């Protein structure tokens, strides 16, 4: 069974795929190709510092008094995974929002044509 698409649907799918791949590529670039010094004090700093605070917290039973390099690496990796999840959600949400806006535009246009006739 073959699904037939009109021109606008095909263009919409193409733009969605290009957008999704582009944002995924940008996310991969941020995660793996930037210098770690910039990333440590930039995009991931807040999540990393919250992780380190929870590790230092005396009420936390798993807390360590002196965060070692392993704890800093664990917190950095946690911040990176949080960034990747957020970027995936934003990417998917943007594509869905775009399709909903286009669908709403089509519905409004058809309604206006029907009312004016």
PDB file of N, CA and C in Angstrom:
ATOM      1  N   UNK A   1       0.844  -1.174   0.000  1.00  0.00           N
ATOM      2  CA  UNK A   1       0.000   0.000   0.000  1.00  0.00           C
ATOM      3  C   UNK A   1       0.891   1.239   0.000  1.00  0.00           C
ATOM      4  N   UNK A   2       0.580   2.143  -0.880  1.00  0.00           N
ATOM      5  CA  UNK A   2       1.381   3.352  -1.017  1.00  0.00           C
ATOM      6  C   UNK A   2       0.540   4.559  -0.627  1.00  0.00           C
ATOM      7  N   UNK A   3       1.097   5.411   0.203  1.00  0.00           N
ATOM      8  CA  UNK A   3       0.407   6.612   0.643  1.00  0.00           C
ATOM      9  C   UNK A   3       0.776   7.746  -0.306  1.00  0.00           C
ATOM     10  N   UNK A   4      -0.236   8.424  -0.828  1.00  0.00           N
ATOM     11  CA  UNK A   4       0.016   9.540  -1.737  1.00  0.00           C
ATOM     12  C   UNK A   4      -0.037  10.837  -0.948  1.00  0.00           C
ATOM     13  N   UNK A   5       0.961  11.658  -1.140  1.00  0.00           N
ATOM     14  CA  UNK A   5       1.041  12.954  -0.480  1.00  0.00           C
ATOM     15  C   UNK A   5       0.946  14.051  -1.528  1.00  0.00           C
ATOM     16  N   UNK A   6       0.287  15.169  -1.167  1.00  0.00           N
ATOM     17  CA  UNK A   6       0.311  16.294  -2.090  1.00  0.00           C
ATOM     18  C   UNK A   6       1.626  17.043  -1.895  1.00  0.00           C
ATOM     19  N   UNK A   7       1.855  18.052  -2.687  1.00  0.00           N
ATOM     20  CA  UNK A   7       3.132  18.766  -2.666  1.00  0.00           C
ATOM     21  C   UNK A   7       3.452  19.401  -1.328  1.00  0.00           C
ATOM     22  N   UNK A   8       2.453  20.008  -0.690  1.00  0.00           N
ATOM     23  CA  UNK A   8       2.693  20.684   0.583  1.00  0.00           C
ATOM     24  C   UNK A   8       3.017  19.694   1.701  1.00  0.00           C
ATOM     25  N   UNK A   9       2.385  18.541   1.693  1.00  0.00           N
ATOM     26  CA  UNK A   9       2.689  17.528   2.701  1.00  0.00           C
ATOM     27  C   UNK A   9       4.121  17.026   2.545  1.00  0.00           C
ATOM     28  N   UNK A  10       4.521  16.815   1.309  1.00  0.00           N
ATOM     29  CA  UNK A  10       5.903  16.384   1.059  1.00  0.00           C
ATOM     30  C   UNK A  10       6.923  17.424   1.502  1.00  0.00           C
ATOM     31  N   UNK A  11       6.620  18.699   1.207  1.00  0.00           N
ATOM     32  CA  UNK A  11       7.515  19.777   1.636  1.00  0.00           C
ATOM     33  C   UNK A  11       7.554  19.844   3.162  1.00  0.00           C
ATOM     34  N   UNK A  12       6.406  19.680   3.815  1.00  0.00           N
ATOM     35  CA  UNK A  12       6.346  19.705   5.275  1.00  0.00           C
ATOM     36  C   UNK A  12       7.163  18.599   5.901  1.00  0.00           C
ATOM     37  N   UNK A  13       7.072  17.409   5.333  1.00  0.00           N
ATOM     38  CA  UNK A  13       7.857  16.289   5.850  1.00  0.00           C
ATOM     39  C   UNK A  13       9.343  16.543   5.636  1.00  0.00           C
ATOM     40  N   UNK A  14       9.708  17.048   4.478  1.00  0.00           N
ATOM     41  CA  UNK A  14      11.110  17.341   4.193  1.00  0.00           C
ATOM     42  C   UNK A  14      11.666  18.394   5.151  1.00  0.00           C
ATOM     43  N   UNK A  15      10.906  19.471   5.372  1.00  0.00           N
ATOM     44  CA  UNK A  15      11.358  20.519   6.297  1.00  0.00           C
ATOM     45  C   UNK A  15      11.466  19.975   7.717  1.00  0.00           C
ATOM     46  N   UNK A  16      10.516  19.132   8.124  1.00  0.00           N
ATOM     47  CA  UNK A  16      10.564  18.545   9.464  1.00  0.00           C
ATOM     48  C   UNK A  16      11.796  17.666   9.646  1.00  0.00           C
ATOM     49  N   UNK A  17      12.107  16.867   8.652  1.00  0.00           N
ATOM     50  CA  UNK A  17      13.274  15.989   8.738  1.00  0.00           C
ATOM     51  C   UNK A  17      14.561  16.812   8.765  1.00  0.00           C
ATOM     52  N   UNK A  18      14.641  17.836   7.924  1.00  0.00           N
ATOM     53  CA  UNK A  18      15.830  18.697   7.921  1.00  0.00           C
ATOM     54  C   UNK A  18      15.987  19.393   9.268  1.00  0.00           C
ATOM     55  N   UNK A  19      14.887  19.913   9.817  1.00  0.00           N
ATOM     56  CA  UNK A  19      14.935  20.569  11.126  1.00  0.00           C
ATOM     57  C   UNK A  19      15.403  19.596  12.202  1.00  0.00           C
ATOM     58  N   UNK A  20      14.802  18.403  12.233  1.00  0.00           N
ATOM     59  CA  UNK A  20      15.124  17.417  13.261  1.00  0.00           C
ATOM     60  C   UNK A  20      16.591  17.008  13.188  1.00  0.00           C
ATOM     61  N   UNK A  21      17.085  16.743  11.996  1.00  0.00           N
ATOM     62  CA  UNK A  21      18.489  16.348  11.830  1.00  0.00           C
ATOM     63  C   UNK A  21      19.417  17.514  12.158  1.00  0.00           C
ATOM     64  N   UNK A  22      19.034  18.728  11.772  1.00  0.00           N
ATOM     65  CA  UNK A  22      19.862  19.899  12.065  1.00  0.00           C
ATOM     66  C   UNK A  22      20.013  20.152  13.552  1.00  0.00           C
ATOM     67  N   UNK A  23      18.919  20.100  14.291  1.00  0.00           N
ATOM     68  CA  UNK A  23      18.993  20.327  15.738  1.00  0.00           C
ATOM     69  C   UNK A  23      19.711  19.166  16.422  1.00  0.00           C
ATOM     70  N   UNK A  24      19.514  17.958  15.944  1.00  0.00           N
ATOM     71  CA  UNK A  24      20.243  16.817  16.515  1.00  0.00           C
ATOM     72  C   UNK A  24      21.743  16.971  16.258  1.00  0.00           C
ATOM     73  N   UNK A  25      22.112  17.445  15.081  1.00  0.00           N
ATOM     74  CA  UNK A  25      23.525  17.689  14.792  1.00  0.00           C
ATOM     75  C   UNK A  25      24.107  18.772  15.669  1.00  0.00           C
ATOM     76  N   UNK A  26      23.344  19.833  15.894  1.00  0.00           N
ATOM     77  CA  UNK A  26      23.800  20.908  16.782  1.00  0.00           C
ATOM     78  C   UNK A  26      23.980  20.382  18.203  1.00  0.00           C
ATOM     79  N   UNK A  27      23.040  19.579  18.667  1.00  0.00           N
ATOM     80  CA  UNK A  27      23.148  19.000  20.012  1.00  0.00           C
ATOM     81  C   UNK A  27      24.380  18.118  20.113  1.00  0.00           C
ATOM     82  N   UNK A  28      24.628  17.296  19.098  1.00  0.00           N
ATOM     83  CA  UNK A  28      25.830  16.461  19.101  1.00  0.00           C
ATOM     84  C   UNK A  28      27.096  17.285  19.103  1.00  0.00           C
ATOM     85  N   UNK A  29      27.083  18.385  18.363  1.00  0.00           N
ATOM     86  CA  UNK A  29      28.255  19.269  18.346  1.00  0.00           C
ATOM     87  C   UNK A  29      28.503  19.848  19.737  1.00  0.00           C
ATOM     88  N   UNK A  30      27.457  20.324  20.381  1.00  0.00           N
ATOM     89  CA  UNK A  30      27.599  20.900  21.724  1.00  0.00           C
ATOM     90  C   UNK A  30      28.116  19.848  22.694  1.00  0.00           C
ATOM     91  N   UNK A  31      27.595  18.642  22.595  1.00  0.00           N
ATOM     92  CA  UNK A  31      27.960  17.604  23.566  1.00  0.00           C
ATOM     93  C   UNK A  31      29.377  17.082  23.380  1.00  0.00           C
ATOM     94  N   UNK A  32      29.839  16.961  22.147  1.00  0.00           N
ATOM     95  CA  UNK A  32      31.084  16.227  21.923  1.00  0.00           C
ATOM     96  C   UNK A  32      32.229  17.034  21.314  1.00  0.00           C
ATOM     97  N   UNK A  33      31.969  18.193  20.716  1.00  0.00           N
ATOM     98  CA  UNK A  33      33.039  18.880  20.000  1.00  0.00           C
ATOM     99  C   UNK A  33      33.496  20.189  20.620  1.00  0.00           C
ATOM    100  N   UNK A  34      32.782  20.678  21.609  1.00  0.00           N
ATOM    101  CA  UNK A  34      33.234  21.904  22.242  1.00  0.00           C
ATOM    102  C   UNK A  34      34.268  21.569  23.319  1.00  0.00           C
ATOM    103  N   UNK A  35      35.090  22.563  23.625  1.00  0.00           N
ATOM    104  CA  UNK A  35      36.081  22.356  24.671  1.00  0.00           C
ATOM    105  C   UNK A  35      35.375  22.146  26.010  1.00  0.00           C
ATOM    106  N   UNK A  36      35.877  21.219  26.804  1.00  0.00           N
ATOM    107  CA  UNK A  36      35.211  20.922  28.062  1.00  0.00           C
ATOM    108  C   UNK A  36      35.296  22.081  29.039  1.00  0.00           C
ATOM    109  N   UNK A  37      36.332  22.905  28.977  1.00  0.00           N
ATOM    110  CA  UNK A  37      36.427  24.035  29.893  1.00  0.00           C
ATOM    111  C   UNK A  37      35.274  25.004  29.671  1.00  0.00           C
ATOM    112  N   UNK A  38      34.957  25.290  28.398  1.00  0.00           N
ATOM    113  CA  UNK A  38      33.855  26.199  28.099  1.00  0.00           C
ATOM    114  C   UNK A  38      32.530  25.616  28.554  1.00  0.00           C
ATOM    115  N   UNK A  39      32.346  24.314  28.325  1.00  0.00           N
ATOM    116  CA  UNK A  39      31.085  23.669  28.659  1.00  0.00           C
ATOM    117  C   UNK A  39      30.902  23.580  30.167  1.00  0.00           C
ATOM    118  N   UNK A  40      31.983  23.339  30.895  1.00  0.00           N
ATOM    119  CA  UNK A  40      31.881  23.217  32.352  1.00  0.00           C
ATOM    120  C   UNK A  40      31.375  24.496  32.994  1.00  0.00           C
ATOM    121  N   UNK A  41      31.733  25.622  32.450  1.00  0.00           N
ATOM    122  CA  UNK A  41      31.324  26.880  33.048  1.00  0.00           C
ATOM    123  C   UNK A  41      30.198  27.548  32.284  1.00  0.00           C
ATOM    124  N   UNK A  42      29.701  26.916  31.249  1.00  0.00           N
ATOM    125  CA  UNK A  42      28.666  27.519  30.425  1.00  0.00           C
ATOM    126  C   UNK A  42      27.337  26.808  30.535  1.00  0.00           C
ATOM    127  N   UNK A  43      27.018  26.032  29.529  1.00  0.00           N
ATOM    128  CA  UNK A  43      25.690  25.443  29.387  1.00  0.00           C
ATOM    129  C   UNK A  43      25.326  24.468  30.505  1.00  0.00           C
ATOM    130  N   UNK A  44      26.280  23.710  30.977  1.00  0.00           N
ATOM    131  CA  UNK A  44      25.988  22.655  31.943  1.00  0.00           C
ATOM    132  C   UNK A  44      26.290  23.064  33.376  1.00  0.00           C
ATOM    133  N   UNK A  45      26.708  24.292  33.592  1.00  0.00           N
ATOM    134  CA  UNK A  45      27.195  24.695  34.910  1.00  0.00           C
ATOM    135  C   UNK A  45      26.122  24.603  35.985  1.00  0.00           C
ATOM    136  N   UNK A  46      24.908  25.021  35.660  1.00  0.00           N
ATOM    137  CA  UNK A  46      23.859  25.023  36.681  1.00  0.00           C
ATOM    138  C   UNK A  46      23.492  23.610  37.122  1.00  0.00           C
ATOM    139  N   UNK A  47      23.279  22.719  36.153  1.00  0.00           N
ATOM    140  CA  UNK A  47      22.914  21.344  36.491  1.00  0.00           C
ATOM    141  C   UNK A  47      24.062  20.661  37.220  1.00  0.00           C
ATOM    142  N   UNK A  48      25.287  20.918  36.771  1.00  0.00           N
ATOM    143  CA  UNK A  48      26.450  20.313  37.417  1.00  0.00           C
ATOM    144  C   UNK A  48      26.595  20.800  38.848  1.00  0.00           C
ATOM    145  N   UNK A  49      26.382  22.092  39.078  1.00  0.00           N
ATOM    146  CA  UNK A  49      26.526  22.626  40.444  1.00  0.00           C
ATOM    147  C   UNK A  49      25.425  22.082  41.356  1.00  0.00           C
ATOM    148  N   UNK A  50      24.195  21.904  40.838  1.00  0.00           N
ATOM    149  CA  UNK A  50      23.132  21.306  41.642  1.00  0.00           C
ATOM    150  C   UNK A  50      23.472  19.870  42.025  1.00  0.00           C
ATOM    151  N   UNK A  51      24.048  19.150  41.099  1.00  0.00           N
ATOM    152  CA  UNK A  51      24.472  17.776  41.379  1.00  0.00           C
ATOM    153  C   UNK A  51      25.550  17.759  42.461  1.00  0.00           C
ATOM    154  N   UNK A  52      26.527  18.642  42.342  1.00  0.00           N
ATOM    155  CA  UNK A  52      27.599  18.683  43.335  1.00  0.00           C
ATOM    156  C   UNK A  52      27.084  19.120  44.697  1.00  0.00           C
ATOM    157  N   UNK A  53      26.095  20.008  44.723  1.00  0.00           N
ATOM    158  CA  UNK A  53      25.509  20.414  45.997  1.00  0.00           C
ATOM    159  C   UNK A  53      24.800  19.240  46.666  1.00  0.00           C
ATOM    160  N   UNK A  54      24.095  18.413  45.868  1.00  0.00           N
ATOM    161  CA  UNK A  54      23.418  17.259  46.453  1.00  0.00           C
ATOM    162  C   UNK A  54      24.422  16.239  46.963  1.00  0.00           C
ATOM    163  N   UNK A  55      25.573  16.173  46.307  1.00  0.00           N
ATOM    164  CA  UNK A  55      26.607  15.246  46.765  1.00  0.00           C
ATOM    165  C   UNK A  55      27.221  15.746  48.074  1.00  0.00           C
ATOM    166  N   UNK A  56      27.346  17.068  48.223  1.00  0.00           N
ATOM    167  CA  UNK A  56      27.925  17.647  49.432  1.00  0.00           C
ATOM    168  C   UNK A  56      26.916  17.752  50.574  1.00  0.00           C
ATOM    169  N   UNK A  57      25.624  17.628  50.290  1.00  0.00           N
ATOM    170  CA  UNK A  57      24.581  17.824  51.287  1.00  0.00           C
ATOM    171  C   UNK A  57      24.729  16.814  52.421  1.00  0.00           C
ATOM    172  N   UNK A  58      24.726  17.310  53.644  1.00  0.00           N
ATOM    173  CA  UNK A  58      24.919  16.416  54.795  1.00  0.00           C
ATOM    174  C   UNK A  58      23.679  15.575  55.075  1.00  0.00           C
ATOM    175  N   UNK A  59      22.503  15.993  54.583  1.00  0.00           N
ATOM    176  CA  UNK A  59      21.290  15.210  54.784  1.00  0.00           C
ATOM    177  C   UNK A  59      21.178  14.049  53.805  1.00  0.00           C
ATOM    178  N   UNK A  60      21.969  14.102  52.751  1.00  0.00           N
ATOM    179  CA  UNK A  60      21.968  13.035  51.761  1.00  0.00           C
ATOM    180  C   UNK A  60      22.799  11.871  52.293  1.00  0.00           C
ATOM    181  N   UNK A  61      22.216  10.679  52.418  1.00  0.00           N
ATOM    182  CA  UNK A  61      22.991   9.551  52.968  1.00  0.00           C
ATOM    183  C   UNK A  61      24.139   9.114  52.067  1.00  0.00           C
ATOM    184  N   UNK A  62      24.070   9.415  50.783  1.00  0.00           N
ATOM    185  CA  UNK A  62      25.128   9.031  49.858  1.00  0.00           C
ATOM    186  C   UNK A  62      26.132  10.160  49.631  1.00  0.00           C
ATOM    187  N   UNK A  63      26.065  11.191  50.469  1.00  0.00           N
ATOM    188  CA  UNK A  63      26.911  12.357  50.269  1.00  0.00           C
ATOM    189  C   UNK A  63      28.371  12.041  50.570  1.00  0.00           C
ATOM    190  N   UNK A  64      29.215  12.711  49.834  1.00  0.00           N
ATOM    191  CA  UNK A  64      30.650  12.636  50.069  1.00  0.00           C
ATOM    192  C   UNK A  64      31.094  14.011  50.543  1.00  0.00           C
ATOM    193  N   UNK A  65      31.937  14.051  51.529  1.00  0.00           N
ATOM    194  CA  UNK A  65      32.364  15.339  52.079  1.00  0.00           C
ATOM    195  C   UNK A  65      33.274  16.088  51.125  1.00  0.00           C
ATOM    196  N   UNK A  66      34.106  15.386  50.440  1.00  0.00           N
ATOM    197  CA  UNK A  66      35.039  16.020  49.521  1.00  0.00           C
ATOM    198  C   UNK A  66      34.799  15.461  48.126  1.00  0.00           C
ATOM    199  N   UNK A  67      34.109  16.219  47.240  1.00  0.00           N
ATOM    200  CA  UNK A  67      33.845  15.675  45.906  1.00  0.00           C
ATOM    201  C   UNK A  67      35.148  15.446  45.140  1.00  0.00           C
ATOM    202  N   UNK A  68      35.314  14.251  44.734  1.00  0.00           N
ATOM    203  CA  UNK A  68      36.522  13.901  43.995  1.00  0.00           C
ATOM    204  C   UNK A  68      36.304  14.133  42.503  1.00  0.00           C
ATOM    205  N   UNK A  69      37.330  13.811  41.754  1.00  0.00           N
ATOM    206  CA  UNK A  69      37.251  13.935  40.296  1.00  0.00           C
ATOM    207  C   UNK A  69      36.147  13.035  39.747  1.00  0.00           C
ATOM    208  N   UNK A  70      35.962  11.861  40.334  1.00  0.00           N
ATOM    209  CA  UNK A  70      34.916  10.951  39.851  1.00  0.00           C
ATOM    210  C   UNK A  70      33.530  11.552  40.052  1.00  0.00           C
ATOM    211  N   UNK A  71      33.335  12.227  41.182  1.00  0.00           N
ATOM    212  CA  UNK A  71      32.035  12.861  41.432  1.00  0.00           C
ATOM    213  C   UNK A  71      31.813  13.991  40.444  1.00  0.00           C
ATOM    214  N   UNK A  72      32.834  14.790  40.172  1.00  0.00           N
ATOM    215  CA  UNK A  72      32.704  15.877  39.200  1.00  0.00           C
ATOM    216  C   UNK A  72      32.397  15.325  37.808  1.00  0.00           C
ATOM    217  N   UNK A  73      33.045  14.218  37.449  1.00  0.00           N
ATOM    218  CA  UNK A  73      32.770  13.609  36.146  1.00  0.00           C
ATOM    219  C   UNK A  73      31.343  13.079  36.096  1.00  0.00           C
ATOM    220  N   UNK A  74      30.904  12.446  37.199  1.00  0.00           N
ATOM    221  CA  UNK A  74      29.541  11.926  37.232  1.00  0.00           C
ATOM    222  C   UNK A  74      28.537  13.066  37.086  1.00  0.00           C
ATOM    223  N   UNK A  75      28.763  14.168  37.789  1.00  0.00           N
ATOM    224  CA  UNK A  75      27.860  15.314  37.704  1.00  0.00           C
ATOM    225  C   UNK A  75      27.897  15.943  36.311  1.00  0.00           C
ATOM    226  N   UNK A  76      29.072  15.997  35.698  1.00  0.00           N
ATOM    227  CA  UNK A  76      29.182  16.531  34.342  1.00  0.00           C
ATOM    228  C   UNK A  76      28.415  15.649  33.362  1.00  0.00           C
ATOM    229  N   UNK A  77      28.546  14.332  33.489  1.00  0.00           N
ATOM    230  CA  UNK A  77      27.821  13.421  32.605  1.00  0.00           C
ATOM    231  C   UNK A  77      26.315  13.525  32.830  1.00  0.00           C
ATOM    232  N   UNK A  78      25.905  13.725  34.080  1.00  0.00           N
ATOM    233  CA  UNK A  78      24.486  13.905  34.371  1.00  0.00           C
ATOM    234  C   UNK A  78      23.969  15.177  33.712  1.00  0.00           C
ATOM    235  N   UNK A  79      24.763  16.235  33.756  1.00  0.00           N
ATOM    236  CA  UNK A  79      24.372  17.495  33.119  1.00  0.00           C
ATOM    237  C   UNK A  79      24.285  17.330  31.601  1.00  0.00           C
ATOM    238  N   UNK A  80      25.216  16.605  31.017  1.00  0.00           N
ATOM    239  CA  UNK A  80      25.180  16.368  29.567  1.00  0.00           C
ATOM    240  C   UNK A  80      23.948  15.583  29.162  1.00  0.00           C
ATOM    241  N   UNK A  81      23.613  14.539  29.931  1.00  0.00           N
ATOM    242  CA  UNK A  81      22.435  13.743  29.577  1.00  0.00           C
ATOM    243  C   UNK A  81      21.159  14.560  29.753  1.00  0.00           C
ATOM    244  N   UNK A  82      21.115  15.418  30.756  1.00  0.00           N
ATOM    245  CA  UNK A  82      19.960  16.295  30.947  1.00  0.00           C
ATOM    246  C   UNK A  82      19.824  17.251  29.759  1.00  0.00           C
ATOM    247  N   UNK A  83      20.943  17.798  29.296  1.00  0.00           N
ATOM    248  CA  UNK A  83      20.930  18.695  28.135  1.00  0.00           C
ATOM    249  C   UNK A  83      20.419  17.955  26.898  1.00  0.00           C
ATOM    250  N   UNK A  84      20.886  16.737  26.683  1.00  0.00           N
ATOM    251  CA  UNK A  84      20.456  15.971  25.511  1.00  0.00           C
ATOM    252  C   UNK A  84      18.959  15.676  25.564  1.00  0.00           C
ATOM    253  N   UNK A  85      18.443  15.308  26.736  1.00  0.00           N
ATOM    254  CA  UNK A  85      17.008  15.041  26.868  1.00  0.00           C
ATOM    255  C   UNK A  85      16.199  16.302  26.601  1.00  0.00           C
ATOM    256  N   UNK A  86      16.643  17.421  27.143  1.00  0.00           N
ATOM    257  CA  UNK A  86      15.929  18.679  26.927  1.00  0.00           C
ATOM    258  C   UNK A  86      15.940  19.072  25.455  1.00  0.00           C
ATOM    259  N   UNK A  87      17.071  18.911  24.793  1.00  0.00           N
ATOM    260  CA  UNK A  87      17.153  19.268  23.376  1.00  0.00           C
ATOM    261  C   UNK A  87      16.260  18.356  22.528  1.00  0.00           C
ATOM    262  N   UNK A  88      16.184  17.074  22.872  1.00  0.00           N
ATOM    263  CA  UNK A  88      15.309  16.161  22.144  1.00  0.00           C
ATOM    264  C   UNK A  88      13.846  16.570  22.324  1.00  0.00           C
ATOM    265  N   UNK A  89      13.472  16.923  23.542  1.00  0.00           N
ATOM    266  CA  UNK A  89      12.096  17.348  23.794  1.00  0.00           C
ATOM    267  C   UNK A  89      11.778  18.643  23.047  1.00  0.00           C
ATOM    268  N   UNK A  90      12.702  19.589  23.056  1.00  0.00           N
ATOM    269  CA  UNK A  90      12.491  20.851  22.339  1.00  0.00           C
ATOM    270  C   UNK A  90      12.393  20.596  20.837  1.00  0.00           C
ATOM    271  N   UNK A  91      13.259  19.726  20.332  1.00  0.00           N
ATOM    272  CA  UNK A  91      13.272  19.409  18.903  1.00  0.00           C
ATOM    273  C   UNK A  91      11.942  18.786  18.479  1.00  0.00           C
ATOM    274  N   UNK A  92      11.513  17.775  19.196  1.00  0.00           N
ATOM    275  CA  UNK A  92      10.268  17.089  18.867  1.00  0.00           C
ATOM    276  C   UNK A  92       9.080  18.037  19.038  1.00  0.00           C
ATOM    277  N   UNK A  93       9.085  18.820  20.115  1.00  0.00           N
ATOM    278  CA  UNK A  93       7.998  19.760  20.362  1.00  0.00           C
ATOM    279  C   UNK A  93       7.886  20.815  19.280  1.00  0.00           C
ATOM    280  N   UNK A  94       9.013  21.288  18.768  1.00  0.00           N
ATOM    281  CA  UNK A  94       8.998  22.291  17.713  1.00  0.00           C
ATOM    282  C   UNK A  94       8.394  21.728  16.427  1.00  0.00           C
ATOM    283  N   UNK A  95       8.734  20.503  16.089  1.00  0.00           N
ATOM    284  CA  UNK A  95       8.178  19.874  14.886  1.00  0.00           C
ATOM    285  C   UNK A  95       6.665  19.686  15.043  1.00  0.00           C
ATOM    286  N   UNK A  96       6.236  19.187  16.196  1.00  0.00           N
ATOM    287  CA  UNK A  96       4.801  18.982  16.427  1.00  0.00           C
ATOM    288  C   UNK A  96       4.061  20.323  16.408  1.00  0.00           C
ATOM    289  N   UNK A  97       4.633  21.345  17.047  1.00  0.00           N
ATOM    290  CA  UNK A  97       4.016  22.667  17.056  1.00  0.00           C
ATOM    291  C   UNK A  97       3.899  23.226  15.636  1.00  0.00           C
ATOM    292  N   UNK A  98       4.922  23.051  14.832  1.00  0.00           N
ATOM    293  CA  UNK A  98       4.882  23.519  13.450  1.00  0.00           C
ATOM    294  C   UNK A  98       3.774  22.849  12.650  1.00  0.00           C
ATOM    295  N   UNK A  99       3.647  21.533  12.813  1.00  0.00           N
ATOM    296  CA  UNK A  99       2.582  20.817  12.110  1.00  0.00           C
ATOM    297  C   UNK A  99       1.209  21.267  12.596  1.00  0.00           C
ATOM    298  N   UNK A 100       1.054  21.519  13.898  1.00  0.00           N
ATOM    299  CA  UNK A 100      -0.239  21.984  14.404  1.00  0.00           C
ATOM    300  C   UNK A 100      -0.591  23.376  13.880  1.00  0.00           C
ATOM    301  N   UNK A 101       0.399  24.253  13.780  1.00  0.00           N
ATOM    302  CA  UNK A 101       0.154  25.597  13.236  1.00  0.00           C
ATOM    303  C   UNK A 101      -0.288  25.501  11.777  1.00  0.00           C
ATOM    304  N   UNK A 102       0.382  24.669  11.003  1.00  0.00           N
ATOM    305  CA  UNK A 102       0.008  24.509   9.591  1.00  0.00           C
ATOM    306  C   UNK A 102      -1.391  23.920   9.482  1.00  0.00           C
ATOM    307  N   UNK A 103      -1.691  22.905  10.304  1.00  0.00           N
ATOM    308  CA  UNK A 103      -3.023  22.289  10.276  1.00  0.00           C
ATOM    309  C   UNK A 103      -4.093  23.319  10.635  1.00  0.00           C
ATOM    310  N   UNK A 104      -3.824  24.138  11.669  1.00  0.00           N
ATOM    311  CA  UNK A 104      -4.777  25.163  12.065  1.00  0.00           C
ATOM    312  C   UNK A 104      -4.964  26.185  10.945  1.00  0.00           C
ATOM    313  N   UNK A 105      -3.893  26.544  10.269  1.00  0.00           N
ATOM    314  CA  UNK A 105      -3.995  27.455   9.130  1.00  0.00           C
ATOM    315  C   UNK A 105      -4.872  26.889   8.028  1.00  0.00           C
ATOM    316  N   UNK A 106      -4.734  25.607   7.757  1.00  0.00           N
ATOM    317  CA  UNK A 106      -5.562  24.959   6.730  1.00  0.00           C
ATOM    318  C   UNK A 106      -7.022  24.951   7.144  1.00  0.00           C
ATOM    319  N   UNK A 107      -7.287  24.615   8.406  1.00  0.00           N
ATOM    320  CA  UNK A 107      -8.668  24.581   8.889  1.00  0.00           C
ATOM    321  C   UNK A 107      -9.301  25.964   8.819  1.00  0.00           C
ATOM    322  N   UNK A 108      -8.592  26.998   9.234  1.00  0.00           N
ATOM    323  CA  UNK A 108      -9.127  28.363   9.204  1.00  0.00           C
ATOM    324  C   UNK A 108      -9.359  28.817   7.763  1.00  0.00           C
ATOM    325  N   UNK A 109      -8.423  28.513   6.874  1.00  0.00           N
ATOM    326  CA  UNK A 109      -8.576  28.891   5.468  1.00  0.00           C
ATOM    327  C   UNK A 109      -9.787  28.218   4.848  1.00  0.00           C
ATOM    328  N   UNK A 110      -9.989  26.940   5.114  1.00  0.00           N
ATOM    329  CA  UNK A 110     -11.156  26.242   4.574  1.00  0.00           C
ATOM    330  C   UNK A 110     -12.443  26.797   5.156  1.00  0.00           C
ATOM    331  N   UNK A 111     -12.435  27.142   6.438  1.00  0.00           N
ATOM    332  CA  UNK A 111     -13.634  27.703   7.082  1.00  0.00           C
ATOM    333  C   UNK A 111     -13.975  29.055   6.461  1.00  0.00           C
ATOM    334  N   UNK A 112     -12.976  29.893   6.232  1.00  0.00           N
ATOM    335  CA  UNK A 112     -13.201  31.211   5.636  1.00  0.00           C
ATOM    336  C   UNK A 112     -13.757  31.047   4.225  1.00  0.00           C
ATOM    337  N   UNK A 113     -13.215  30.113   3.451  1.00  0.00           N
ATOM    338  CA  UNK A 113     -13.733  29.895   2.092  1.00  0.00           C
ATOM    339  C   UNK A 113     -15.184  29.438   2.137  1.00  0.00           C
ATOM    340  N   UNK A 114     -15.514  28.557   3.076  1.00  0.00           N
ATOM    341  CA  UNK A 114     -16.866  28.028   3.165  1.00  0.00           C
ATOM    342  C   UNK A 114     -17.846  29.126   3.597  1.00  0.00           C
ATOM    343  N   UNK A 115     -17.430  29.980   4.510  1.00  0.00           N
ATOM    344  CA  UNK A 115     -18.309  31.054   4.995  1.00  0.00           C
ATOM    345  C   UNK A 115     -18.521  32.119   3.917  1.00  0.00           C
ATOM    346  N   UNK A 116     -17.482  32.445   3.171  1.00  0.00           N
ATOM    347  CA  UNK A 116     -17.601  33.518   2.179  1.00  0.00           C
ATOM    348  C   UNK A 116     -18.351  33.099   0.917  1.00  0.00           C
ATOM    349  N   UNK A 117     -18.563  31.827   0.687  1.00  0.00           N
ATOM    350  CA  UNK A 117     -19.257  31.363  -0.517  1.00  0.00           C
ATOM    351  C   UNK A 117     -20.718  31.411  -0.338  1.00  0.00           C
TER     352      UNK A 117
END
